[in-house]
Protein backbone atom coordinates (compact mmCIF):
# COMPACT_ATOMS: atom_id res chain seq x y z
CA MET A 1 190.27 -130.86 -107.55
CA GLN A 2 187.11 -132.99 -107.35
CA LYS A 3 185.71 -131.24 -110.43
CA ILE A 4 188.85 -132.14 -112.39
CA LEU A 5 188.63 -135.79 -111.36
CA THR A 6 184.94 -135.90 -112.21
CA ASN A 7 185.69 -134.51 -115.67
CA TYR A 8 188.48 -137.05 -116.20
CA SER A 9 186.07 -139.82 -115.29
CA SER A 10 183.31 -138.50 -117.55
CA LEU A 11 185.67 -138.02 -120.48
CA THR A 12 187.11 -141.51 -120.06
CA LYS A 13 183.61 -143.01 -120.05
CA ILE A 14 182.61 -141.05 -123.15
CA ILE A 15 185.73 -142.09 -125.05
CA ASP A 16 185.22 -145.72 -124.06
CA SER A 17 181.50 -145.67 -124.92
CA ALA A 18 182.06 -144.03 -128.29
CA LYS A 19 184.83 -146.45 -129.26
CA SER A 20 182.85 -149.47 -128.01
CA ALA A 21 179.78 -148.42 -129.98
CA GLU A 22 181.92 -147.70 -133.05
CA TYR A 23 183.53 -151.14 -132.83
CA LEU A 24 180.21 -152.89 -132.32
CA LEU A 25 178.52 -151.00 -135.17
CA PHE A 26 181.41 -151.81 -137.49
CA THR A 27 181.60 -155.50 -136.56
CA VAL A 28 177.83 -156.08 -136.71
CA HIS A 29 176.88 -153.91 -139.70
CA GLY A 30 180.18 -153.17 -141.43
CA GLU A 31 181.16 -149.94 -143.08
CA THR A 32 178.43 -149.14 -145.57
CA ASP A 33 176.75 -146.02 -146.89
CA ASP A 34 174.13 -146.52 -144.17
CA THR A 35 176.61 -146.77 -141.29
CA ALA A 36 179.21 -144.25 -142.51
CA LEU A 37 177.64 -141.20 -140.86
CA SER A 38 177.14 -142.97 -137.53
CA LEU A 39 180.70 -144.31 -137.55
CA THR A 40 182.01 -140.81 -138.29
CA ASP A 41 179.86 -139.32 -135.51
CA LEU A 42 181.24 -141.81 -133.00
CA GLN A 43 184.82 -141.17 -134.16
CA ASN A 44 184.28 -137.43 -133.79
CA VAL A 45 182.87 -137.80 -130.28
CA ALA A 46 185.86 -139.92 -129.22
CA GLU A 47 188.35 -137.50 -130.81
CA ASN A 48 186.73 -134.40 -129.31
CA ALA A 49 186.52 -135.97 -125.85
CA THR A 50 190.17 -137.05 -126.17
CA GLN A 51 191.16 -133.48 -127.05
CA GLY A 52 189.29 -132.22 -123.99
CA TYR A 53 191.07 -134.81 -121.82
CA ARG A 54 194.47 -133.81 -123.21
CA ARG A 55 193.82 -130.10 -122.78
CA LEU A 56 192.71 -130.62 -119.20
CA THR A 57 195.77 -132.76 -118.48
CA THR A 58 198.13 -130.23 -120.04
CA ILE A 59 196.74 -127.40 -117.94
CA VAL A 60 196.75 -129.46 -114.72
CA LEU A 61 200.39 -130.42 -115.32
CA ARG A 62 201.24 -126.80 -116.03
CA ILE A 63 199.62 -125.74 -112.76
CA ALA A 64 201.49 -128.47 -110.88
CA THR A 65 204.85 -127.34 -112.22
CA ILE A 66 204.42 -123.58 -111.84
CA GLN A 67 206.15 -122.51 -108.65
CA PRO A 68 205.50 -121.09 -106.14
CA SER A 69 201.90 -120.92 -107.42
CA SER A 70 200.01 -120.78 -110.70
CA ASP A 71 199.19 -117.46 -112.31
CA GLN A 72 195.72 -116.07 -112.90
CA ASP A 73 195.84 -116.74 -116.67
CA THR A 74 196.54 -120.43 -116.15
CA MET A 75 193.77 -120.74 -113.59
CA GLU A 76 191.41 -119.01 -116.01
CA MET A 77 192.41 -121.45 -118.76
CA LEU A 78 191.61 -124.31 -116.37
CA LEU A 79 188.20 -122.92 -115.48
CA ASN A 80 187.39 -122.28 -119.16
CA THR A 81 188.46 -125.80 -120.11
CA ILE A 82 186.38 -127.33 -117.33
CA SER A 83 183.38 -125.25 -118.39
CA ARG A 84 183.82 -126.22 -122.06
CA VAL A 85 184.16 -129.91 -121.22
CA GLU A 86 181.14 -129.89 -118.91
CA THR A 87 179.09 -128.15 -121.59
CA GLN A 88 180.02 -130.81 -124.18
CA ILE A 89 179.60 -133.92 -122.01
CA GLY A 90 175.81 -133.98 -122.39
CA ALA A 91 175.95 -133.53 -126.16
CA TRP A 92 178.60 -136.21 -126.58
CA THR A 93 176.61 -138.62 -124.42
CA ARG A 94 173.43 -137.97 -126.42
CA SER A 95 175.27 -138.49 -129.71
CA ILE A 96 176.46 -141.90 -128.55
CA GLU A 97 173.00 -142.81 -127.25
CA GLU A 98 171.39 -141.81 -130.56
CA VAL A 99 173.67 -144.09 -132.56
CA VAL A 100 173.23 -146.96 -130.09
CA THR A 101 169.45 -146.57 -130.25
CA GLU A 102 169.28 -146.12 -134.02
CA TRP A 103 171.29 -149.30 -134.64
CA SER A 104 169.99 -151.26 -131.61
CA LEU A 105 173.59 -152.02 -130.67
CA TYR A 106 173.15 -153.41 -127.17
CA GLU A 107 169.95 -155.38 -127.57
């Protein structure tokens, strides 16, 4: 259960960071040919992290409602989702950091 909560927390932070950086980039520099790729990258990070959050939530709810206990396939889906999310967290974080650094957003 701790792993699930940790992933929820990480995904929430990534979504928030990506959307905050996207907003700041847009408000400071606008949407231009120069910023378009960075804005798209940040949108993609937020969308992909949101999809991971939703998938994790869907599986957790499914496990909670299966009685008397969840089946092996559902547990395997949960473990695969956790593994996929944990694999992506570092890449998503680096993508956000690259945009923030490139555009000096928080200086």
